[in-house]
Amino acid sequence: ADTTVKASVRHYRPKEIAGIVQQGDREARIAATDLTAEPKPNDKLIIGGKMLNIVSVNVRKVGDVAAVYIIQVRG
């Protein structure tokens, strides 16, 4: 389902470009409380009107509860 949320978005620094992180990839951080479902690889994220592909998702939890999704996007 489509959902509009606020996110903190940044480009990866040159020293972070390694492994699965490629030049041009971005990182989006979204509060888990803003989403109805956990994002997963191959889902889409629209940033600034551009559709990007989710490459990976890292979940930060407080106890057993998801707090923030750190999402790597490409496109």
C-alpha atoms as a PDB file:
ATOM      1  CA  ALA A   1       0.000   0.000   0.000  1.00  0.00           C
ATOM      2  CA  ASP A   2       1.184   3.534  -0.711  1.00  0.00           C
ATOM      3  CA  THR A   3       2.033   5.616   2.342  1.00  0.00           C
ATOM      4  CA  THR A   4       3.416   9.145   2.624  1.00  0.00           C
ATOM      5  CA  VAL A   5       5.924   9.579   5.454  1.00  0.00           C
ATOM      6  CA  LYS A   6       8.722  11.890   6.504  1.00  0.00           C
ATOM      7  CA  ALA A   7      12.232  10.515   6.115  1.00  0.00           C
ATOM      8  CA  SER A   8      15.781  11.621   6.713  1.00  0.00           C
ATOM      9  CA  VAL A   9      17.645  11.031   3.427  1.00  0.00           C
ATOM     10  CA  ARG A  10      21.367  11.296   2.717  1.00  0.00           C
ATOM     11  CA  HIS A  11      23.935  10.201   0.142  1.00  0.00           C
ATOM     12  CA  TYR A  12      26.597   7.757   1.284  1.00  0.00           C
ATOM     13  CA  ARG A  13      30.045   9.255   1.852  1.00  0.00           C
ATOM     14  CA  PRO A  14      32.858   8.071  -0.466  1.00  0.00           C
ATOM     15  CA  LYS A  15      34.443   5.995   2.319  1.00  0.00           C
ATOM     16  CA  GLU A  16      31.128   4.126   2.790  1.00  0.00           C
ATOM     17  CA  ILE A  17      30.979   2.961  -0.838  1.00  0.00           C
ATOM     18  CA  ALA A  18      31.929  -0.706  -0.601  1.00  0.00           C
ATOM     19  CA  GLY A  19      30.222  -4.075  -0.634  1.00  0.00           C
ATOM     20  CA  ILE A  20      26.606  -3.655  -1.746  1.00  0.00           C
ATOM     21  CA  VAL A  21      26.719   0.153  -1.431  1.00  0.00           C
ATOM     22  CA  GLN A  22      27.284   1.738  -4.843  1.00  0.00           C
ATOM     23  CA  GLN A  23      27.981   5.322  -5.864  1.00  0.00           C
ATOM     24  CA  GLY A  24      24.659   7.157  -6.113  1.00  0.00           C
ATOM     25  CA  ASP A  25      22.913   5.030  -3.488  1.00  0.00           C
ATOM     26  CA  ARG A  26      21.124   6.858  -0.701  1.00  0.00           C
ATOM     27  CA  GLU A  27      20.125   6.056   2.849  1.00  0.00           C
ATOM     28  CA  ALA A  28      16.636   6.837   4.138  1.00  0.00           C
ATOM     29  CA  ARG A  29      15.693   6.633   7.810  1.00  0.00           C
ATOM     30  CA  ILE A  30      12.000   6.260   8.596  1.00  0.00           C
ATOM     31  CA  ALA A  31      10.351   5.958  12.012  1.00  0.00           C
ATOM     32  CA  ALA A  32       8.755   2.526  12.316  1.00  0.00           C
ATOM     33  CA  THR A  33       5.622   4.088  13.815  1.00  0.00           C
ATOM     34  CA  ASP A  34       5.042   5.898  10.495  1.00  0.00           C
ATOM     35  CA  LEU A  35       4.702   2.650   8.519  1.00  0.00           C
ATOM     36  CA  THR A  36       1.985  -0.003   8.525  1.00  0.00           C
ATOM     37  CA  ALA A  37       4.294  -2.735   7.185  1.00  0.00           C
ATOM     38  CA  GLU A  38       8.036  -3.387   7.302  1.00  0.00           C
ATOM     39  CA  PRO A  39       9.774  -2.341   4.068  1.00  0.00           C
ATOM     40  CA  LYS A  40      11.675  -5.073   2.258  1.00  0.00           C
ATOM     41  CA  PRO A  41      14.167  -5.362  -0.615  1.00  0.00           C
ATOM     42  CA  ASN A  42      12.653  -4.704  -4.063  1.00  0.00           C
ATOM     43  CA  ASP A  43       9.908  -2.490  -2.595  1.00  0.00           C
ATOM     44  CA  LYS A  44       9.883   1.037  -4.018  1.00  0.00           C
ATOM     45  CA  LEU A  45      10.439   4.386  -2.308  1.00  0.00           C
ATOM     46  CA  ILE A  46       9.723   7.737  -3.971  1.00  0.00           C
ATOM     47  CA  ILE A  47      12.086  10.535  -2.970  1.00  0.00           C
ATOM     48  CA  GLY A  48      11.782  13.950  -4.596  1.00  0.00           C
ATOM     49  CA  GLY A  49       9.468  12.521  -7.253  1.00  0.00           C
ATOM     50  CA  LYS A  50      11.955   9.818  -8.264  1.00  0.00           C
ATOM     51  CA  MET A  51      11.095   6.133  -7.778  1.00  0.00           C
ATOM     52  CA  LEU A  52      13.948   4.242  -6.123  1.00  0.00           C
ATOM     53  CA  ASN A  53      14.414   0.533  -5.463  1.00  0.00           C
ATOM     54  CA  ILE A  54      15.007  -0.668  -1.898  1.00  0.00           C
ATOM     55  CA  VAL A  55      18.280  -2.636  -1.803  1.00  0.00           C
ATOM     56  CA  SER A  56      18.447  -3.437   1.911  1.00  0.00           C
ATOM     57  CA  VAL A  57      16.658  -2.697   5.173  1.00  0.00           C
ATOM     58  CA  ASN A  58      18.227  -2.549   8.616  1.00  0.00           C
ATOM     59  CA  VAL A  59      15.886  -2.384  11.613  1.00  0.00           C
ATOM     60  CA  ARG A  60      16.871  -0.624  14.833  1.00  0.00           C
ATOM     61  CA  LYS A  61      14.829  -1.862  17.779  1.00  0.00           C
ATOM     62  CA  VAL A  62      14.140  -0.743  21.314  1.00  0.00           C
ATOM     63  CA  GLY A  63      13.736  -4.006  23.144  1.00  0.00           C
ATOM     64  CA  ASP A  64      11.697  -6.152  20.767  1.00  0.00           C
ATOM     65  CA  VAL A  65       9.913  -3.222  19.101  1.00  0.00           C
ATOM     66  CA  ALA A  66      11.043  -1.746  15.766  1.00  0.00           C
ATOM     67  CA  ALA A  67      11.942   1.935  16.180  1.00  0.00           C
ATOM     68  CA  VAL A  68      13.670   3.010  12.943  1.00  0.00           C
ATOM     69  CA  TYR A  69      14.136   1.508   9.495  1.00  0.00           C
ATOM     70  CA  ILE A  70      17.457   2.341   7.831  1.00  0.00           C
ATOM     71  CA  ILE A  71      16.862   1.768   4.144  1.00  0.00           C
ATOM     72  CA  GLN A  72      19.409   1.653   1.313  1.00  0.00           C
ATOM     73  CA  VAL A  73      17.862   2.799  -1.971  1.00  0.00           C
ATOM     74  CA  ARG A  74      19.128   2.866  -5.542  1.00  0.00           C
ATOM     75  CA  GLY A  75      17.868   4.257  -8.791  1.00  0.00           C
END
